[in-house]
Amino acid sequence: MNIRMRSLPPGWYPGTASKAKTAIEHMLISVKSTYNNAVAGIVPHAGWEFSGKIALKVLKSLIHDIGTIVVVGGHLHRDEGVLGAYEEGYETPFGIVKADLELLQAVKESITVKEDRYADNTVEIQLPLIKYLFPDVNVLALRAAPSEISLLLGKTLAVSSEKLKKRIAVIGSTDLTHYGPNYGYLPKGTGETALKWAMEVNDRGFLDNLLAFNGEAALDHANENHSACSAGGAVTALSYAMAKGSRRGVLLDHYSSNKIYSGESFVGYAGLIYLA
């Protein structure tokens, strides 16, 4: 069996099943599940210490009886299209997650999906959380550029899953504004004024477009204002939700890395779901 092996060091998430289980259960203590009917969601992709709780909130809100969870990450330029993992499974501390290559093949019949040969945190960081919450679920790992291809990918996932009679959910893995000297982005200087602007203006501009079901505007905002890292993942999830008839988005949480460690450089994180 051809397996995509773990690439991130233990600082991102624990390296053993026992330590990963302990970390997840500790996070779940403060994770309340208000919803259980989300067809798609958006999660951050930092290390678990920063974004694990938000990701769990989103994952626990998904519809029941899912056969496959599609995780769509990013870190691509606008012209790089769609990448997909061709392996038969993915390594996690809890064992191998089986890949849904049947769904991948169906998607490839409609759009070009190039092989993803690169290590990438945007998808990998979610896999142990998915394996823990959904032990028997399959996963399809994709990455989408922050361009109109992400809108097409979401629609294609809806059509392909219906054709195959698969019950799936789609997760877009996207961080928000990367602000400060570490990222070379300081349009509002430093301090509390900068943090307030990054979260309440820049992050919210992107999030409000997602909540308004305006994928084109979300892409434009991210590309023009540096308001999202891997916006293609988020817009794919939105596009899939729209194709499934969702008309309600809910912002579950939104904060910055300053909540965990204060500093002049920080990143925004949000969890958002689209309800059936």
Protein backbone atom coordinates (compact mmCIF):
# COMPACT_ATOMS: atom_id res chain seq x y z
CA MET A 1 0.00 0.00 0.00
CA ASN A 2 1.42 3.36 -1.06
CA ILE A 3 1.22 5.67 1.97
CA ARG A 4 1.78 9.42 2.27
CA MET A 5 3.96 9.62 5.37
CA ARG A 6 3.86 12.26 8.06
CA SER A 7 6.10 15.25 7.28
CA LEU A 8 5.48 17.67 10.17
CA PRO A 9 7.61 17.42 13.35
CA PRO A 10 5.99 16.70 16.75
CA GLY A 11 5.83 20.41 17.59
CA TRP A 12 2.89 20.67 15.21
CA TYR A 13 1.01 17.74 16.75
CA PRO A 14 2.08 14.82 18.97
CA GLY A 15 4.02 11.97 17.46
CA THR A 16 2.40 9.03 19.25
CA ALA A 17 -1.15 7.77 19.54
CA SER A 18 -1.23 8.14 23.33
CA LYS A 19 0.05 11.71 23.31
CA ALA A 20 -2.21 12.68 20.41
CA LYS A 21 -5.22 11.17 22.17
CA THR A 22 -4.40 13.07 25.37
CA ALA A 23 -4.02 16.35 23.46
CA ILE A 24 -7.31 15.91 21.58
CA GLU A 25 -9.27 14.91 24.66
CA HIS A 26 -7.89 17.92 26.52
CA MET A 27 -9.02 20.22 23.71
CA LEU A 28 -12.44 18.58 23.52
CA ILE A 29 -13.18 19.54 27.12
CA SER A 30 -13.85 23.10 25.98
CA VAL A 31 -15.34 22.25 22.56
CA LYS A 32 -19.11 22.50 22.56
CA SER A 33 -21.06 20.97 19.67
CA THR A 34 -24.07 23.13 18.83
CA TYR A 35 -24.48 21.82 15.29
CA ASN A 36 -24.38 18.40 13.64
CA ASN A 37 -25.57 19.20 10.14
CA ALA A 38 -22.71 21.01 8.42
CA VAL A 39 -21.95 19.87 4.87
CA ALA A 40 -18.74 21.86 4.70
CA GLY A 41 -16.46 23.87 6.93
CA ILE A 42 -13.36 26.02 7.10
CA VAL A 43 -10.55 25.32 9.57
CA PRO A 44 -7.12 26.86 10.32
CA HIS A 45 -3.90 24.95 9.75
CA ALA A 46 -1.45 26.03 12.45
CA GLY A 47 -0.11 23.63 15.06
CA TRP A 48 -2.73 22.16 17.38
CA GLU A 49 -1.73 24.47 20.24
CA PHE A 50 -2.93 27.40 18.16
CA SER A 51 -5.77 26.07 16.04
CA GLY A 52 -6.69 22.56 17.17
CA LYS A 53 -9.75 23.60 19.17
CA ILE A 54 -11.25 25.51 16.25
CA ALA A 55 -10.66 22.60 13.89
CA LEU A 56 -12.38 20.23 16.33
CA LYS A 57 -15.37 22.57 16.63
CA VAL A 58 -15.81 22.47 12.87
CA LEU A 59 -15.26 18.74 12.49
CA LYS A 60 -17.69 17.89 15.29
CA SER A 61 -20.35 19.97 13.50
CA LEU A 62 -20.33 17.84 10.35
CA ILE A 63 -23.24 15.75 9.13
CA HIS A 64 -23.49 12.17 10.35
CA ASP A 65 -22.66 9.02 8.40
CA ILE A 66 -19.94 10.59 6.27
CA GLY A 67 -18.10 8.19 4.01
CA THR A 68 -15.39 10.63 2.92
CA ILE A 69 -14.04 13.93 4.15
CA VAL A 70 -12.32 15.98 1.47
CA VAL A 71 -9.64 18.26 2.93
CA VAL A 72 -8.64 21.09 0.60
CA GLY A 73 -5.52 23.03 1.54
CA GLY A 74 -3.46 25.60 -0.25
CA HIS A 75 -0.07 27.37 -0.17
CA LEU A 76 -0.32 27.74 -3.94
CA HIS A 77 0.03 30.62 -6.37
CA ARG A 78 -3.02 31.65 -8.35
CA ASP A 79 -1.91 29.84 -11.49
CA GLU A 80 -1.07 26.47 -9.92
CA GLY A 81 -4.50 24.88 -10.28
CA VAL A 82 -5.46 21.83 -8.22
CA LEU A 83 -3.07 19.32 -6.67
CA GLY A 84 -4.06 15.96 -5.24
CA ALA A 85 -2.35 13.27 -3.20
CA TYR A 86 -2.22 10.09 -5.29
CA GLU A 87 -1.31 7.77 -2.40
CA GLU A 88 -3.68 5.06 -1.18
CA GLY A 89 -3.57 6.29 2.40
CA TYR A 90 -2.17 8.84 4.86
CA GLU A 91 -0.14 8.19 7.99
CA THR A 92 -1.45 9.46 11.35
CA PRO A 93 -0.54 8.61 14.97
CA PHE A 94 -3.82 6.63 15.10
CA GLY A 95 -3.06 4.54 12.04
CA ILE A 96 -3.57 4.85 8.32
CA VAL A 97 -6.43 6.89 6.89
CA LYS A 98 -7.60 5.31 3.64
CA ALA A 99 -7.68 7.64 0.64
CA ASP A 100 -10.78 7.90 -1.54
CA LEU A 101 -9.10 7.40 -4.89
CA GLU A 102 -12.43 6.61 -6.55
CA LEU A 103 -13.64 10.12 -5.81
CA LEU A 104 -10.29 11.52 -6.95
CA GLN A 105 -10.63 9.72 -10.28
CA ALA A 106 -14.14 11.08 -10.75
CA VAL A 107 -12.92 14.62 -10.09
CA LYS A 108 -10.05 14.13 -12.55
CA GLU A 109 -12.55 13.29 -15.28
CA SER A 110 -13.83 16.87 -15.08
CA ILE A 111 -10.82 18.99 -14.11
CA THR A 112 -7.05 18.62 -14.15
CA VAL A 113 -5.62 17.43 -10.83
CA LYS A 114 -1.84 17.33 -10.80
CA GLU A 115 -0.01 15.03 -8.39
CA ASP A 116 0.91 16.71 -5.11
CA ARG A 117 4.46 15.61 -4.39
CA TYR A 118 5.25 18.18 -1.72
CA ALA A 119 5.04 18.16 2.06
CA ASP A 120 2.32 20.55 3.19
CA ASN A 121 0.86 21.38 6.59
CA THR A 122 -2.54 22.58 5.40
CA VAL A 123 -3.95 19.08 4.95
CA GLU A 124 -1.70 16.99 7.17
CA ILE A 125 -2.47 18.89 10.39
CA GLN A 126 -6.15 17.91 10.06
CA LEU A 127 -5.68 14.18 9.45
CA PRO A 128 -5.16 12.92 13.04
CA LEU A 129 -8.16 14.97 14.22
CA ILE A 130 -10.30 13.40 11.51
CA LYS A 131 -9.02 9.90 12.26
CA TYR A 132 -9.79 10.33 15.97
CA LEU A 133 -13.33 11.68 15.46
CA PHE A 134 -14.20 9.53 12.44
CA PRO A 135 -12.17 6.30 12.76
CA ASP A 136 -13.60 4.65 9.63
CA VAL A 137 -13.89 7.63 7.30
CA ASN A 138 -11.95 7.94 4.05
CA VAL A 139 -10.13 11.15 3.15
CA LEU A 140 -9.26 12.84 -0.11
CA ALA A 141 -6.35 15.28 0.20
CA LEU A 142 -6.38 18.16 -2.29
CA ARG A 143 -4.93 21.64 -2.59
CA ALA A 144 -6.51 24.46 -4.59
CA ALA A 145 -5.03 27.70 -5.86
CA PRO A 146 -6.67 30.98 -4.75
CA SER A 147 -8.36 31.43 -8.13
CA GLU A 148 -11.61 30.56 -9.90
CA ILE A 149 -10.42 26.94 -10.07
CA SER A 150 -11.45 26.63 -6.41
CA LEU A 151 -15.04 27.52 -7.32
CA LEU A 152 -15.02 24.89 -10.04
CA LEU A 153 -13.47 22.30 -7.72
CA GLY A 154 -16.24 22.72 -5.16
CA LYS A 155 -18.93 22.21 -7.79
CA THR A 156 -17.08 19.25 -9.23
CA LEU A 157 -16.83 17.57 -5.83
CA ALA A 158 -20.60 17.92 -5.42
CA VAL A 159 -21.34 16.46 -8.86
CA SER A 160 -18.77 13.67 -8.55
CA SER A 161 -19.92 12.57 -5.08
CA GLU A 162 -23.55 12.50 -6.19
CA LYS A 163 -22.64 10.49 -9.28
CA LEU A 164 -20.83 7.95 -7.09
CA LYS A 165 -23.58 8.10 -4.44
CA LYS A 166 -21.03 9.05 -1.79
CA ARG A 167 -21.92 10.99 1.34
CA ILE A 168 -19.08 13.45 1.80
CA ALA A 169 -18.15 16.65 3.59
CA VAL A 170 -15.60 19.22 2.41
CA ILE A 171 -13.16 21.03 4.69
CA GLY A 172 -11.20 24.07 3.52
CA SER A 173 -7.93 24.62 5.40
CA THR A 174 -7.19 28.33 5.52
CA ASP A 175 -5.41 30.70 7.93
CA LEU A 176 -6.15 34.42 7.94
CA THR A 177 -4.03 37.61 8.04
CA HIS A 178 -0.31 37.02 8.65
CA TYR A 179 0.68 40.31 10.26
CA GLY A 180 3.92 41.76 11.60
CA PRO A 181 7.65 41.92 10.95
CA ASN A 182 7.95 38.13 10.70
CA TYR A 183 5.73 38.27 7.62
CA GLY A 184 6.82 41.61 6.17
CA TYR A 185 3.28 42.97 6.41
CA LEU A 186 2.67 46.00 8.67
CA PRO A 187 0.17 48.35 6.95
CA LYS A 188 -1.09 49.60 10.33
CA GLY A 189 2.17 49.62 12.26
CA THR A 190 2.32 47.58 15.47
CA GLY A 191 0.49 47.29 18.79
CA GLU A 192 -3.18 47.06 19.68
CA THR A 193 -4.30 49.22 16.75
CA ALA A 194 -2.65 46.84 14.31
CA LEU A 195 -4.14 43.75 15.99
CA LYS A 196 -7.61 45.31 16.00
CA TRP A 197 -7.36 46.20 12.31
CA ALA A 198 -6.05 42.77 11.30
CA MET A 199 -8.88 40.96 13.05
CA GLU A 200 -11.85 43.31 12.78
CA VAL A 201 -11.17 44.75 9.33
CA ASN A 202 -8.86 42.54 7.31
CA ASP A 203 -9.84 39.10 8.61
CA ARG A 204 -13.50 40.10 8.77
CA GLY A 205 -13.53 41.35 5.20
CA PHE A 206 -12.60 37.88 4.01
CA LEU A 207 -14.87 36.08 6.47
CA ASP A 208 -17.86 38.29 5.68
CA ASN A 209 -17.58 37.40 2.00
CA LEU A 210 -17.54 33.71 2.91
CA LEU A 211 -20.60 34.14 5.14
CA ALA A 212 -22.34 36.05 2.32
CA PHE A 213 -21.67 33.13 -0.07
CA ASN A 214 -19.59 35.34 -2.35
CA GLY A 215 -16.64 33.22 -3.37
CA GLU A 216 -15.38 35.57 -6.07
CA ALA A 217 -15.26 38.48 -3.62
CA ALA A 218 -13.54 36.30 -1.00
CA LEU A 219 -10.82 35.39 -3.48
CA ASP A 220 -10.37 39.02 -4.52
CA HIS A 221 -10.18 40.16 -0.90
CA ALA A 222 -7.58 37.54 0.00
CA ASN A 223 -5.44 38.20 -3.04
CA GLU A 224 -5.60 41.98 -2.75
CA ASN A 225 -5.42 42.39 1.05
CA HIS A 226 -3.36 39.39 2.24
CA SER A 227 -6.36 38.45 4.40
CA ALA A 228 -6.12 34.69 3.96
CA CYS A 229 -3.42 32.09 3.50
CA SER A 230 -4.74 29.33 1.22
CA ALA A 231 -7.99 31.05 0.29
CA GLY A 232 -8.57 28.43 -2.39
CA GLY A 233 -9.32 25.84 0.27
CA ALA A 234 -11.96 28.02 1.91
CA VAL A 235 -13.62 28.94 -1.38
CA THR A 236 -13.73 25.29 -2.47
CA ALA A 237 -15.65 24.46 0.72
CA LEU A 238 -18.00 27.39 0.10
CA SER A 239 -18.57 26.37 -3.52
CA TYR A 240 -19.32 22.78 -2.51
CA ALA A 241 -21.77 23.96 0.15
CA MET A 242 -23.58 26.16 -2.36
CA ALA A 243 -23.82 23.27 -4.81
CA LYS A 244 -25.39 21.19 -2.02
CA GLY A 245 -28.00 23.88 -1.42
CA SER A 246 -26.59 25.41 1.76
CA ARG A 247 -27.78 28.92 2.42
CA ARG A 248 -26.51 29.44 5.96
CA GLY A 249 -22.97 29.93 7.16
CA VAL A 250 -22.01 30.16 10.84
CA LEU A 251 -18.79 31.60 12.25
CA LEU A 252 -17.95 29.35 15.22
CA ASP A 253 -14.82 31.11 16.43
CA HIS A 254 -12.25 33.71 15.42
CA TYR A 255 -9.10 34.79 17.22
CA SER A 256 -5.41 35.42 16.60
CA SER A 257 -2.26 33.65 17.68
CA ASN A 258 -1.81 36.56 20.11
CA LYS A 259 -4.40 34.80 22.25
CA ILE A 260 -1.85 32.02 22.78
CA TYR A 261 1.45 33.89 22.56
CA SER A 262 1.57 37.67 22.44
CA GLY A 263 3.91 39.36 20.00
CA GLU A 264 4.25 41.93 17.23
CA SER A 265 3.75 39.17 14.64
CA PHE A 266 0.56 37.13 14.67
CA VAL A 267 -1.85 35.11 12.51
CA GLY A 268 -5.64 35.03 12.43
CA TYR A 269 -7.60 31.79 12.79
CA ALA A 270 -11.30 31.09 12.23
CA GLY A 271 -13.73 28.18 12.17
CA LEU A 272 -16.77 28.45 9.90
CA ILE A 273 -19.42 25.93 8.87
CA TYR A 274 -22.07 25.71 6.16
CA LEU A 275 -25.28 24.04 7.24
CA ALA A 276 -27.40 21.65 5.22
